[in-house]
Amino acid sequence: MAKAFASAGDLTEKKTSFTEIGDGLYAFTAEGDPNSGVIIGDDGVMVVEAQATPRLARKVIDCVREVTDKPITHLVLTHYHAVRVLGASAYGAPQVIMSDAARGMVAERGKEDWDSEFARFPRLFQGHEEIPGLTWPTTTFSDSMTIYLGKRRVEIMHLGRAHTAGDAVVWVPDAEVMFTGDIVEYRSACYCGDGHFADWGETLSNIAAFDPVAIAPGRGDALQGREMVAKALASTADFLESTYRPAARVAARGGTLKEAWNAVRAECDPKFSDYAIYEHCLPFNVSRAYDEAMGIDTPRVWTAERDRQMWDALQE
């Protein structure tokens, strides 16, 4: 029997949690599904990550309304992926913020990514009929920008390429808390299909240099306390290295993508096979690691057709 494509067969609803990780700071998590973050200021609320559809976004909004009636004034999207951005319209935020590079990726490959992700993980697109179209920012930045929610200062920064070329992190200095998007995961596989393995480790080090007391990661539980933060940063780095090194060795000797797949499985399965979305991510991760090792710096655009061809070839 053929293995179900990506997460097309994953129909199990996940339990959501809304965890306070600092004064007026919350992580919306969902057992390995995409997380969102909430920052409450003096006169407004910033949400980090929109979710995939307006219906799913309203679950985040319901949690916000349990703790404040302040308006949602800012929505930060850490990167361009459909599961992160297509629920944006539900918030009605006057400012929607991305990095310049992330906006460029919406223009370059946003529609292809939407089609691709919808086929990969249909459960995450509940209520997709409400999506009005691609999500475009109202505001962009190149390296960093500062937002004031009243007296509360929020720093939005690009600390380097990692999960994508345009990743942003959100730092709240008064609480020493960071929202990292998918640069950091906890007991969830990193999706590396648009990643930059050579840069990602340095970007993790740049995050560590802030010495955050808590992190809201892209997937997995909220990271509370410096010990848990350090553990998640180390496991993320290990996941990336354990994926890239075997694929690079195969590429260096002229081996095939299927041989790289086997080598990565041998390295990663014993350590990470119980991580959320591990099987989902693995073919895309191996493909990108192999490409990067072959000198392809800019990740190739994933389309629904390319997804299927790659998946079928590696599952044989």
C-alpha atoms as a PDB file:
ATOM      1  CA  MET A   1       0.000   0.000   0.000  1.00  0.00           C
ATOM      2  CA  ALA A   2       1.398   3.401  -0.977  1.00  0.00           C
ATOM      3  CA  LYS A   3       2.341   5.748   1.831  1.00  0.00           C
ATOM      4  CA  ALA A   4      -0.075   8.687   2.135  1.00  0.00           C
ATOM      5  CA  PHE A   5       1.350  11.851   0.585  1.00  0.00           C
ATOM      6  CA  ALA A   6       2.971  14.144   3.142  1.00  0.00           C
ATOM      7  CA  SER A   7       0.317  14.820   5.801  1.00  0.00           C
ATOM      8  CA  ALA A   8      -2.720  14.268   3.608  1.00  0.00           C
ATOM      9  CA  GLY A   9      -3.784  11.436   5.912  1.00  0.00           C
ATOM     10  CA  ASP A  10      -3.297  13.406   9.137  1.00  0.00           C
ATOM     11  CA  LEU A  11      -6.855  14.186  10.175  1.00  0.00           C
ATOM     12  CA  THR A  12      -6.420  14.227  13.963  1.00  0.00           C
ATOM     13  CA  GLU A  13      -7.349  17.497  15.639  1.00  0.00           C
ATOM     14  CA  LYS A  14      -4.710  18.894  17.974  1.00  0.00           C
ATOM     15  CA  LYS A  15      -5.313  20.281  21.449  1.00  0.00           C
ATOM     16  CA  THR A  16      -4.409  23.967  21.635  1.00  0.00           C
ATOM     17  CA  SER A  17      -2.770  25.722  24.578  1.00  0.00           C
ATOM     18  CA  PHE A  18      -2.398  29.403  25.396  1.00  0.00           C
ATOM     19  CA  THR A  19       0.597  29.822  27.678  1.00  0.00           C
ATOM     20  CA  GLU A  20       1.821  33.020  29.326  1.00  0.00           C
ATOM     21  CA  ILE A  21       5.584  33.187  28.754  1.00  0.00           C
ATOM     22  CA  GLY A  22       6.149  36.701  30.098  1.00  0.00           C
ATOM     23  CA  ASP A  23       4.186  39.689  31.327  1.00  0.00           C
ATOM     24  CA  GLY A  24       1.480  40.144  28.689  1.00  0.00           C
ATOM     25  CA  LEU A  25       3.189  37.660  26.345  1.00  0.00           C
ATOM     26  CA  TYR A  26       1.591  34.417  25.197  1.00  0.00           C
ATOM     27  CA  ALA A  27       2.321  31.400  23.015  1.00  0.00           C
ATOM     28  CA  PHE A  28      -0.571  29.750  21.195  1.00  0.00           C
ATOM     29  CA  THR A  29       0.566  26.165  20.592  1.00  0.00           C
ATOM     30  CA  ALA A  30      -1.105  23.092  19.135  1.00  0.00           C
ATOM     31  CA  GLU A  31       0.846  19.862  19.674  1.00  0.00           C
ATOM     32  CA  GLY A  32       3.163  20.333  16.713  1.00  0.00           C
ATOM     33  CA  ASP A  33       0.815  22.320  14.484  1.00  0.00           C
ATOM     34  CA  PRO A  34       1.881  25.906  13.686  1.00  0.00           C
ATOM     35  CA  ASN A  35       2.171  28.237  16.673  1.00  0.00           C
ATOM     36  CA  SER A  36       1.261  31.906  17.023  1.00  0.00           C
ATOM     37  CA  GLY A  37       2.420  34.518  19.516  1.00  0.00           C
ATOM     38  CA  VAL A  38       0.697  37.392  21.279  1.00  0.00           C
ATOM     39  CA  ILE A  39       2.264  40.582  22.643  1.00  0.00           C
ATOM     40  CA  ILE A  40       0.034  42.889  24.695  1.00  0.00           C
ATOM     41  CA  GLY A  41       1.127  46.501  24.892  1.00  0.00           C
ATOM     42  CA  ASP A  42      -0.319  49.560  26.603  1.00  0.00           C
ATOM     43  CA  ASP A  43      -2.675  50.455  23.787  1.00  0.00           C
ATOM     44  CA  GLY A  44      -2.769  47.495  21.422  1.00  0.00           C
ATOM     45  CA  VAL A  45      -1.896  43.906  20.648  1.00  0.00           C
ATOM     46  CA  MET A  46       0.638  42.427  18.255  1.00  0.00           C
ATOM     47  CA  VAL A  47       0.066  38.912  16.936  1.00  0.00           C
ATOM     48  CA  VAL A  48       2.979  36.914  15.526  1.00  0.00           C
ATOM     49  CA  GLU A  49       1.954  34.419  12.788  1.00  0.00           C
ATOM     50  CA  ALA A  50      -1.542  34.462  11.308  1.00  0.00           C
ATOM     51  CA  GLN A  51      -2.343  30.731  10.903  1.00  0.00           C
ATOM     52  CA  ALA A  52      -3.366  29.188   7.589  1.00  0.00           C
ATOM     53  CA  THR A  53      -6.986  30.355   7.330  1.00  0.00           C
ATOM     54  CA  PRO A  54      -9.284  32.956   8.883  1.00  0.00           C
ATOM     55  CA  ARG A  55     -11.144  30.141  10.666  1.00  0.00           C
ATOM     56  CA  LEU A  56      -7.966  28.970  12.411  1.00  0.00           C
ATOM     57  CA  ALA A  57      -6.956  32.584  13.082  1.00  0.00           C
ATOM     58  CA  ARG A  58     -10.172  33.075  15.023  1.00  0.00           C
ATOM     59  CA  LYS A  59      -9.000  30.421  17.493  1.00  0.00           C
ATOM     60  CA  VAL A  60      -6.048  32.678  18.261  1.00  0.00           C
ATOM     61  CA  ILE A  61      -8.304  35.735  18.451  1.00  0.00           C
ATOM     62  CA  ASP A  62     -10.601  33.939  20.896  1.00  0.00           C
ATOM     63  CA  CYS A  63      -7.603  33.326  23.170  1.00  0.00           C
ATOM     64  CA  VAL A  64      -6.552  36.969  22.899  1.00  0.00           C
ATOM     65  CA  ARG A  65     -10.026  38.064  23.926  1.00  0.00           C
ATOM     66  CA  GLU A  66      -9.791  35.905  27.049  1.00  0.00           C
ATOM     67  CA  VAL A  67      -6.960  38.109  28.345  1.00  0.00           C
ATOM     68  CA  THR A  68      -7.509  41.576  26.829  1.00  0.00           C
ATOM     69  CA  ASP A  69     -10.013  43.715  24.960  1.00  0.00           C
ATOM     70  CA  LYS A  70      -7.307  45.918  23.403  1.00  0.00           C
ATOM     71  CA  PRO A  71      -7.377  46.121  19.607  1.00  0.00           C
ATOM     72  CA  ILE A  72      -5.091  43.978  17.472  1.00  0.00           C
ATOM     73  CA  THR A  73      -3.009  46.670  15.806  1.00  0.00           C
ATOM     74  CA  HIS A  74      -0.057  44.733  14.386  1.00  0.00           C
ATOM     75  CA  LEU A  75       0.395  41.364  12.730  1.00  0.00           C
ATOM     76  CA  VAL A  76       3.960  40.133  12.188  1.00  0.00           C
ATOM     77  CA  LEU A  77       4.563  37.330   9.703  1.00  0.00           C
ATOM     78  CA  THR A  78       7.982  35.777  10.256  1.00  0.00           C
ATOM     79  CA  HIS A  79       8.116  34.323   6.727  1.00  0.00           C
ATOM     80  CA  TYR A  80       5.995  33.752   3.658  1.00  0.00           C
ATOM     81  CA  HIS A  81       4.695  30.172   4.009  1.00  0.00           C
ATOM     82  CA  ALA A  82       0.982  29.694   3.418  1.00  0.00           C
ATOM     83  CA  VAL A  83       0.309  27.965   6.756  1.00  0.00           C
ATOM     84  CA  ARG A  84       1.646  31.076   8.498  1.00  0.00           C
ATOM     85  CA  VAL A  85       0.106  33.904   6.537  1.00  0.00           C
ATOM     86  CA  LEU A  86      -3.177  33.113   4.787  1.00  0.00           C
ATOM     87  CA  GLY A  87      -5.344  33.676   7.882  1.00  0.00           C
ATOM     88  CA  ALA A  88      -4.218  37.308   8.103  1.00  0.00           C
ATOM     89  CA  SER A  89      -7.502  38.888   7.023  1.00  0.00           C
ATOM     90  CA  ALA A  90      -9.279  37.714  10.196  1.00  0.00           C
ATOM     91  CA  TYR A  91      -7.270  40.025  12.457  1.00  0.00           C
ATOM     92  CA  GLY A  92      -8.100  43.293  10.744  1.00  0.00           C
ATOM     93  CA  ALA A  93      -4.719  44.634  11.836  1.00  0.00           C
ATOM     94  CA  PRO A  94      -3.850  48.029  10.334  1.00  0.00           C
ATOM     95  CA  GLN A  95      -0.190  46.996  10.081  1.00  0.00           C
ATOM     96  CA  VAL A  96       0.918  43.679   8.579  1.00  0.00           C
ATOM     97  CA  ILE A  97       4.700  43.361   8.770  1.00  0.00           C
ATOM     98  CA  MET A  98       7.182  41.155   6.875  1.00  0.00           C
ATOM     99  CA  SER A  99      10.820  41.459   5.940  1.00  0.00           C
ATOM    100  CA  ASP A 100      11.591  42.765   2.469  1.00  0.00           C
ATOM    101  CA  ALA A 101      12.909  39.326   1.548  1.00  0.00           C
ATOM    102  CA  ALA A 102       9.743  37.599   2.745  1.00  0.00           C
ATOM    103  CA  ARG A 103       7.590  39.935   0.671  1.00  0.00           C
ATOM    104  CA  GLY A 104       9.752  39.163  -2.317  1.00  0.00           C
ATOM    105  CA  MET A 105       9.130  35.470  -1.777  1.00  0.00           C
ATOM    106  CA  VAL A 106       5.355  36.046  -1.731  1.00  0.00           C
ATOM    107  CA  ALA A 107       5.730  37.649  -5.151  1.00  0.00           C
ATOM    108  CA  GLU A 108       8.110  35.006  -6.458  1.00  0.00           C
ATOM    109  CA  ARG A 109       6.517  31.811  -5.151  1.00  0.00           C
ATOM    110  CA  GLY A 110       3.563  32.576  -2.880  1.00  0.00           C
ATOM    111  CA  LYS A 111       0.865  31.069  -5.095  1.00  0.00           C
ATOM    112  CA  GLU A 112       2.924  27.962  -5.804  1.00  0.00           C
ATOM    113  CA  ASP A 113       3.553  27.508  -2.076  1.00  0.00           C
ATOM    114  CA  TRP A 114      -0.163  27.891  -1.305  1.00  0.00           C
ATOM    115  CA  ASP A 115      -1.085  25.166  -3.783  1.00  0.00           C
ATOM    116  CA  SER A 116       1.758  22.978  -2.578  1.00  0.00           C
ATOM    117  CA  GLU A 117       0.994  23.272   1.141  1.00  0.00           C
ATOM    118  CA  PHE A 118      -2.739  22.825   0.646  1.00  0.00           C
ATOM    119  CA  ALA A 119      -2.113  19.452  -0.976  1.00  0.00           C
ATOM    120  CA  ARG A 120       0.467  18.449   1.608  1.00  0.00           C
ATOM    121  CA  PHE A 121      -1.519  19.200   4.760  1.00  0.00           C
ATOM    122  CA  PRO A 122      -5.221  19.800   4.045  1.00  0.00           C
ATOM    123  CA  ARG A 123      -6.234  19.688   7.729  1.00  0.00           C
ATOM    124  CA  LEU A 124      -4.384  22.941   8.336  1.00  0.00           C
ATOM    125  CA  PHE A 125      -6.538  24.705   5.748  1.00  0.00           C
ATOM    126  CA  GLN A 126      -9.924  24.325   7.449  1.00  0.00           C
ATOM    127  CA  GLY A 127     -12.181  27.031   6.096  1.00  0.00           C
ATOM    128  CA  HIS A 128      -9.902  27.773   3.158  1.00  0.00           C
ATOM    129  CA  GLU A 129     -12.888  29.134   1.237  1.00  0.00           C
ATOM    130  CA  GLU A 130     -12.592  32.339   3.315  1.00  0.00           C
ATOM    131  CA  ILE A 131      -9.033  33.107   2.246  1.00  0.00           C
ATOM    132  CA  PRO A 132      -9.271  36.282   0.136  1.00  0.00           C
ATOM    133  CA  GLY A 133      -5.986  35.747  -1.694  1.00  0.00           C
ATOM    134  CA  LEU A 134      -2.262  36.033  -1.085  1.00  0.00           C
ATOM    135  CA  THR A 135      -1.280  37.961   2.043  1.00  0.00           C
ATOM    136  CA  TRP A 136       0.727  41.105   1.350  1.00  0.00           C
ATOM    137  CA  PRO A 137       2.381  43.221   4.047  1.00  0.00           C
ATOM    138  CA  THR A 138       1.560  46.870   4.594  1.00  0.00           C
ATOM    139  CA  THR A 139       5.036  47.440   6.061  1.00  0.00           C
ATOM    140  CA  THR A 140       8.418  45.847   5.367  1.00  0.00           C
ATOM    141  CA  PHE A 141      11.942  46.187   6.747  1.00  0.00           C
ATOM    142  CA  SER A 142      15.396  45.101   5.622  1.00  0.00           C
ATOM    143  CA  ASP A 143      17.425  44.435   8.788  1.00  0.00           C
ATOM    144  CA  SER A 144      15.314  45.597  11.725  1.00  0.00           C
ATOM    145  CA  MET A 145      12.513  47.864  12.844  1.00  0.00           C
ATOM    146  CA  THR A 146      11.102  49.022  16.172  1.00  0.00           C
ATOM    147  CA  ILE A 147       7.433  49.148  17.088  1.00  0.00           C
ATOM    148  CA  TYR A 148       6.082  50.824  20.216  1.00  0.00           C
ATOM    149  CA  LEU A 149       2.891  49.434  21.693  1.00  0.00           C
ATOM    150  CA  GLY A 150       2.526  52.403  23.987  1.00  0.00           C
ATOM    151  CA  LYS A 151       5.636  52.239  26.168  1.00  0.00           C
ATOM    152  CA  ARG A 152       6.381  48.617  25.282  1.00  0.00           C
ATOM    153  CA  ARG A 153       9.176  48.387  22.737  1.00  0.00           C
ATOM    154  CA  VAL A 154       9.194  45.505  20.279  1.00  0.00           C
ATOM    155  CA  GLU A 155      12.154  44.784  18.003  1.00  0.00           C
ATOM    156  CA  ILE A 156      11.555  42.924  14.728  1.00  0.00           C
ATOM    157  CA  MET A 157      14.766  41.679  13.168  1.00  0.00           C
ATOM    158  CA  HIS A 158      16.249  39.593  10.385  1.00  0.00           C
ATOM    159  CA  LEU A 159      19.124  37.734  12.061  1.00  0.00           C
ATOM    160  CA  GLY A 160      20.135  35.643   9.061  1.00  0.00           C
ATOM    161  CA  ARG A 161      18.858  33.087   6.605  1.00  0.00           C
ATOM    162  CA  ALA A 162      17.504  29.893   8.131  1.00  0.00           C
ATOM    163  CA  HIS A 163      14.061  28.335   7.540  1.00  0.00           C
ATOM    164  CA  THR A 164      13.752  30.727   4.575  1.00  0.00           C
ATOM    165  CA  ALA A 165      15.787  33.610   3.202  1.00  0.00           C
ATOM    166  CA  GLY A 166      13.479  36.158   4.815  1.00  0.00           C
ATOM    167  CA  ASP A 167      12.961  34.944   8.389  1.00  0.00           C
ATOM    168  CA  ALA A 168      12.124  37.494  11.073  1.00  0.00           C
ATOM    169  CA  VAL A 169      12.266  37.189  14.838  1.00  0.00           C
ATOM    170  CA  VAL A 170      10.395  39.344  17.338  1.00  0.00           C
ATOM    171  CA  TRP A 171      12.180  40.399  20.540  1.00  0.00           C
ATOM    172  CA  VAL A 172      10.493  41.949  23.578  1.00  0.00           C
ATOM    173  CA  PRO A 173      13.412  43.365  25.594  1.00  0.00           C
ATOM    174  CA  ASP A 174      11.540  44.301  28.773  1.00  0.00           C
ATOM    175  CA  ALA A 175      10.639  40.622  29.270  1.00  0.00           C
ATOM    176  CA  GLU A 176      13.658  39.018  27.500  1.00  0.00           C
ATOM    177  CA  VAL A 177      11.286  36.919  25.378  1.00  0.00           C
ATOM    178  CA  MET A 178      11.641  36.069  21.691  1.00  0.00           C
ATOM    179  CA  PHE A 179       9.240  34.780  19.043  1.00  0.00           C
ATOM    180  CA  THR A 180      11.348  32.904  16.508  1.00  0.00           C
ATOM    181  CA  GLY A 181       8.976  31.454  13.936  1.00  0.00           C
ATOM    182  CA  ASP A 182      10.271  28.240  12.400  1.00  0.00           C
ATOM    183  CA  ILE A 183      13.935  29.034  12.968  1.00  0.00           C
ATOM    184  CA  VAL A 184      13.535  27.171  16.275  1.00  0.00           C
ATOM    185  CA  GLU A 185      11.369  24.097  16.873  1.00  0.00           C
ATOM    186  CA  TYR A 186      10.785  21.958  19.929  1.00  0.00           C
ATOM    187  CA  ARG A 187      10.233  18.229  19.483  1.00  0.00           C
ATOM    188  CA  SER A 188       9.059  18.943  15.967  1.00  0.00           C
ATOM    189  CA  ALA A 189      10.951  18.389  12.745  1.00  0.00           C
ATOM    190  CA  CYS A 190      12.324  21.467  11.064  1.00  0.00           C
ATOM    191  CA  TYR A 191      10.916  21.970   7.592  1.00  0.00           C
ATOM    192  CA  CYS A 192      13.974  22.702   5.466  1.00  0.00           C
ATOM    193  CA  GLY A 193      12.522  22.647   1.969  1.00  0.00           C
ATOM    194  CA  ASP A 194      13.169  26.391   1.589  1.00  0.00           C
ATOM    195  CA  GLY A 195      16.043  26.432   4.060  1.00  0.00           C
ATOM    196  CA  HIS A 196      19.662  27.520   4.080  1.00  0.00           C
ATOM    197  CA  PHE A 197      21.624  24.910   6.005  1.00  0.00           C
ATOM    198  CA  ALA A 198      24.941  26.750   5.792  1.00  0.00           C
ATOM    199  CA  ASP A 199      23.466  29.854   7.449  1.00  0.00           C
ATOM    200  CA  TRP A 200      20.904  28.377   9.847  1.00  0.00           C
ATOM    201  CA  GLY A 201      23.375  27.440  12.605  1.00  0.00           C
ATOM    202  CA  GLU A 202      24.793  30.965  12.741  1.00  0.00           C
ATOM    203  CA  THR A 203      21.263  32.361  12.909  1.00  0.00           C
ATOM    204  CA  LEU A 204      20.573  30.095  15.898  1.00  0.00           C
ATOM    205  CA  SER A 205      23.742  31.460  17.516  1.00  0.00           C
ATOM    206  CA  ASN A 206      22.501  35.002  16.894  1.00  0.00           C
ATOM    207  CA  ILE A 207      19.288  34.115  18.711  1.00  0.00           C
ATOM    208  CA  ALA A 208      21.207  32.548  21.590  1.00  0.00           C
ATOM    209  CA  ALA A 209      23.244  35.767  21.962  1.00  0.00           C
ATOM    210  CA  PHE A 210      20.107  37.543  23.188  1.00  0.00           C
ATOM    211  CA  ASP A 211      20.005  35.050  26.093  1.00  0.00           C
ATOM    212  CA  PRO A 212      16.197  34.853  26.049  1.00  0.00           C
ATOM    213  CA  VAL A 213      14.451  33.661  29.179  1.00  0.00           C
ATOM    214  CA  ALA A 214      11.636  32.255  27.031  1.00  0.00           C
ATOM    215  CA  ILE A 215      10.945  31.532  23.372  1.00  0.00           C
ATOM    216  CA  ALA A 216       7.756  30.886  21.452  1.00  0.00           C
ATOM    217  CA  PRO A 217       9.032  28.495  18.745  1.00  0.00           C
ATOM    218  CA  GLY A 218       7.445  27.805  15.393  1.00  0.00           C
ATOM    219  CA  ARG A 219       6.112  24.430  16.480  1.00  0.00           C
ATOM    220  CA  GLY A 220       6.069  22.584  19.769  1.00  0.00           C
ATOM    221  CA  ASP A 221       5.684  23.661  23.373  1.00  0.00           C
ATOM    222  CA  ALA A 222       6.531  27.141  24.618  1.00  0.00           C
ATOM    223  CA  LEU A 223      10.118  27.234  25.870  1.00  0.00           C
ATOM    224  CA  GLN A 224      10.172  28.610  29.392  1.00  0.00           C
ATOM    225  CA  GLY A 225      13.414  29.128  31.244  1.00  0.00           C
ATOM    226  CA  ARG A 226      16.939  29.407  29.857  1.00  0.00           C
ATOM    227  CA  GLU A 227      17.600  25.696  30.305  1.00  0.00           C
ATOM    228  CA  MET A 228      14.664  24.729  28.078  1.00  0.00           C
ATOM    229  CA  VAL A 229      15.605  27.434  25.566  1.00  0.00           C
ATOM    230  CA  ALA A 230      19.160  26.088  25.352  1.00  0.00           C
ATOM    231  CA  LYS A 231      17.874  22.525  24.937  1.00  0.00           C
ATOM    232  CA  ALA A 232      15.634  23.548  22.025  1.00  0.00           C
ATOM    233  CA  LEU A 233      18.387  25.534  20.306  1.00  0.00           C
ATOM    234  CA  ALA A 234      20.755  22.564  20.625  1.00  0.00           C
ATOM    235  CA  SER A 235      18.221  20.014  19.357  1.00  0.00           C
ATOM    236  CA  THR A 236      17.319  22.262  16.406  1.00  0.00           C
ATOM    237  CA  ALA A 237      20.996  22.571  15.505  1.00  0.00           C
ATOM    238  CA  ASP A 238      21.460  18.808  15.828  1.00  0.00           C
ATOM    239  CA  PHE A 239      18.483  18.157  13.562  1.00  0.00           C
ATOM    240  CA  LEU A 240      19.899  20.425  10.877  1.00  0.00           C
ATOM    241  CA  GLU A 241      23.408  18.994  11.034  1.00  0.00           C
ATOM    242  CA  SER A 242      22.112  15.419  11.087  1.00  0.00           C
ATOM    243  CA  THR A 243      20.135  16.152   7.929  1.00  0.00           C
ATOM    244  CA  TYR A 244      22.736  18.065   5.964  1.00  0.00           C
ATOM    245  CA  ARG A 245      25.945  16.139   6.693  1.00  0.00           C
ATOM    246  CA  PRO A 246      24.825  12.742   5.325  1.00  0.00           C
ATOM    247  CA  ALA A 247      23.224  14.321   2.256  1.00  0.00           C
ATOM    248  CA  ALA A 248      26.353  16.382   1.583  1.00  0.00           C
ATOM    249  CA  ARG A 249      28.601  13.313   1.818  1.00  0.00           C
ATOM    250  CA  VAL A 250      26.473  11.508  -0.760  1.00  0.00           C
ATOM    251  CA  ALA A 251      26.414  14.542  -3.064  1.00  0.00           C
ATOM    252  CA  ALA A 252      30.199  14.932  -2.791  1.00  0.00           C
ATOM    253  CA  ARG A 253      30.804  11.433  -4.134  1.00  0.00           C
ATOM    254  CA  GLY A 254      28.260  11.848  -6.934  1.00  0.00           C
ATOM    255  CA  GLY A 255      25.574   9.748  -5.289  1.00  0.00           C
ATOM    256  CA  THR A 256      21.862   9.958  -6.038  1.00  0.00           C
ATOM    257  CA  LEU A 257      19.057  11.706  -4.194  1.00  0.00           C
ATOM    258  CA  LYS A 258      17.708   8.302  -3.157  1.00  0.00           C
ATOM    259  CA  GLU A 259      21.099   7.433  -1.655  1.00  0.00           C
ATOM    260  CA  ALA A 260      21.048  10.731   0.228  1.00  0.00           C
ATOM    261  CA  TRP A 261      17.571   9.860   1.508  1.00  0.00           C
ATOM    262  CA  ASN A 262      18.821   6.529   2.843  1.00  0.00           C
ATOM    263  CA  ALA A 263      21.856   8.167   4.468  1.00  0.00           C
ATOM    264  CA  VAL A 264      19.788  10.877   6.161  1.00  0.00           C
ATOM    265  CA  ARG A 265      17.275   8.320   7.432  1.00  0.00           C
ATOM    266  CA  ALA A 266      20.073   6.267   8.942  1.00  0.00           C
ATOM    267  CA  GLU A 267      21.315   9.324  10.831  1.00  0.00           C
ATOM    268  CA  CYS A 268      18.022  10.968  11.775  1.00  0.00           C
ATOM    269  CA  ASP A 269      15.547   8.144  12.391  1.00  0.00           C
ATOM    270  CA  PRO A 270      17.103   6.989  15.684  1.00  0.00           C
ATOM    271  CA  LYS A 271      17.028  10.515  17.095  1.00  0.00           C
ATOM    272  CA  PHE A 272      14.014  12.252  15.579  1.00  0.00           C
ATOM    273  CA  SER A 273      11.464   9.751  14.266  1.00  0.00           C
ATOM    274  CA  ASP A 274       9.062  10.556  17.129  1.00  0.00           C
ATOM    275  CA  TYR A 275       9.128  14.291  16.405  1.00  0.00           C
ATOM    276  CA  ALA A 276       5.983  15.959  15.062  1.00  0.00           C
ATOM    277  CA  ILE A 277       5.758  16.098  11.229  1.00  0.00           C
ATOM    278  CA  TYR A 278       9.041  14.182  10.892  1.00  0.00           C
ATOM    279  CA  GLU A 279       7.886  11.943   8.049  1.00  0.00           C
ATOM    280  CA  HIS A 280       6.136  14.912   6.434  1.00  0.00           C
ATOM    281  CA  CYS A 281       9.308  17.005   6.326  1.00  0.00           C
ATOM    282  CA  LEU A 282      11.949  14.407   5.570  1.00  0.00           C
ATOM    283  CA  PRO A 283      11.649  14.149   1.752  1.00  0.00           C
ATOM    284  CA  PHE A 284      11.616  17.936   1.348  1.00  0.00           C
ATOM    285  CA  ASN A 285      14.537  18.288   3.762  1.00  0.00           C
ATOM    286  CA  VAL A 286      16.672  15.704   1.972  1.00  0.00           C
ATOM    287  CA  SER A 287      15.908  17.262  -1.407  1.00  0.00           C
ATOM    288  CA  ARG A 288      16.956  20.707  -0.237  1.00  0.00           C
ATOM    289  CA  ALA A 289      20.068  19.436   1.587  1.00  0.00           C
ATOM    290  CA  TYR A 290      21.146  17.579  -1.538  1.00  0.00           C
ATOM    291  CA  ASP A 291      20.546  20.646  -3.710  1.00  0.00           C
ATOM    292  CA  GLU A 292      22.483  22.931  -1.381  1.00  0.00           C
ATOM    293  CA  ALA A 293      25.366  20.478  -1.270  1.00  0.00           C
ATOM    294  CA  MET A 294      25.340  20.521  -5.075  1.00  0.00           C
ATOM    295  CA  GLY A 295      25.781  24.309  -5.023  1.00  0.00           C
ATOM    296  CA  ILE A 296      22.167  25.453  -5.495  1.00  0.00           C
ATOM    297  CA  ASP A 297      21.995  28.460  -3.166  1.00  0.00           C
ATOM    298  CA  THR A 298      18.431  29.618  -3.839  1.00  0.00           C
ATOM    299  CA  PRO A 299      15.899  26.878  -3.010  1.00  0.00           C
ATOM    300  CA  ARG A 300      13.982  25.681  -6.035  1.00  0.00           C
ATOM    301  CA  VAL A 301      10.283  26.550  -6.035  1.00  0.00           C
ATOM    302  CA  TRP A 302       8.077  23.775  -4.718  1.00  0.00           C
ATOM    303  CA  THR A 303       4.970  23.168  -6.786  1.00  0.00           C
ATOM    304  CA  ALA A 304       2.221  20.622  -6.262  1.00  0.00           C
ATOM    305  CA  GLU A 305       3.560  18.686  -9.261  1.00  0.00           C
ATOM    306  CA  ARG A 306       7.175  18.736  -8.066  1.00  0.00           C
ATOM    307  CA  ASP A 307       6.060  17.678  -4.580  1.00  0.00           C
ATOM    308  CA  ARG A 308       4.375  14.558  -5.906  1.00  0.00           C
ATOM    309  CA  GLN A 309       7.200  13.580  -8.219  1.00  0.00           C
ATOM    310  CA  MET A 310       9.785  13.900  -5.449  1.00  0.00           C
ATOM    311  CA  TRP A 311       7.593  12.102  -2.882  1.00  0.00           C
ATOM    312  CA  ASP A 312       6.882   9.175  -5.179  1.00  0.00           C
ATOM    313  CA  ALA A 313      10.532   8.799  -6.156  1.00  0.00           C
ATOM    314  CA  LEU A 314      11.741   8.687  -2.547  1.00  0.00           C
ATOM    315  CA  GLN A 315       9.015   6.392  -1.261  1.00  0.00           C
ATOM    316  CA  GLU A 316       9.754   3.610  -3.768  1.00  0.00           C
END
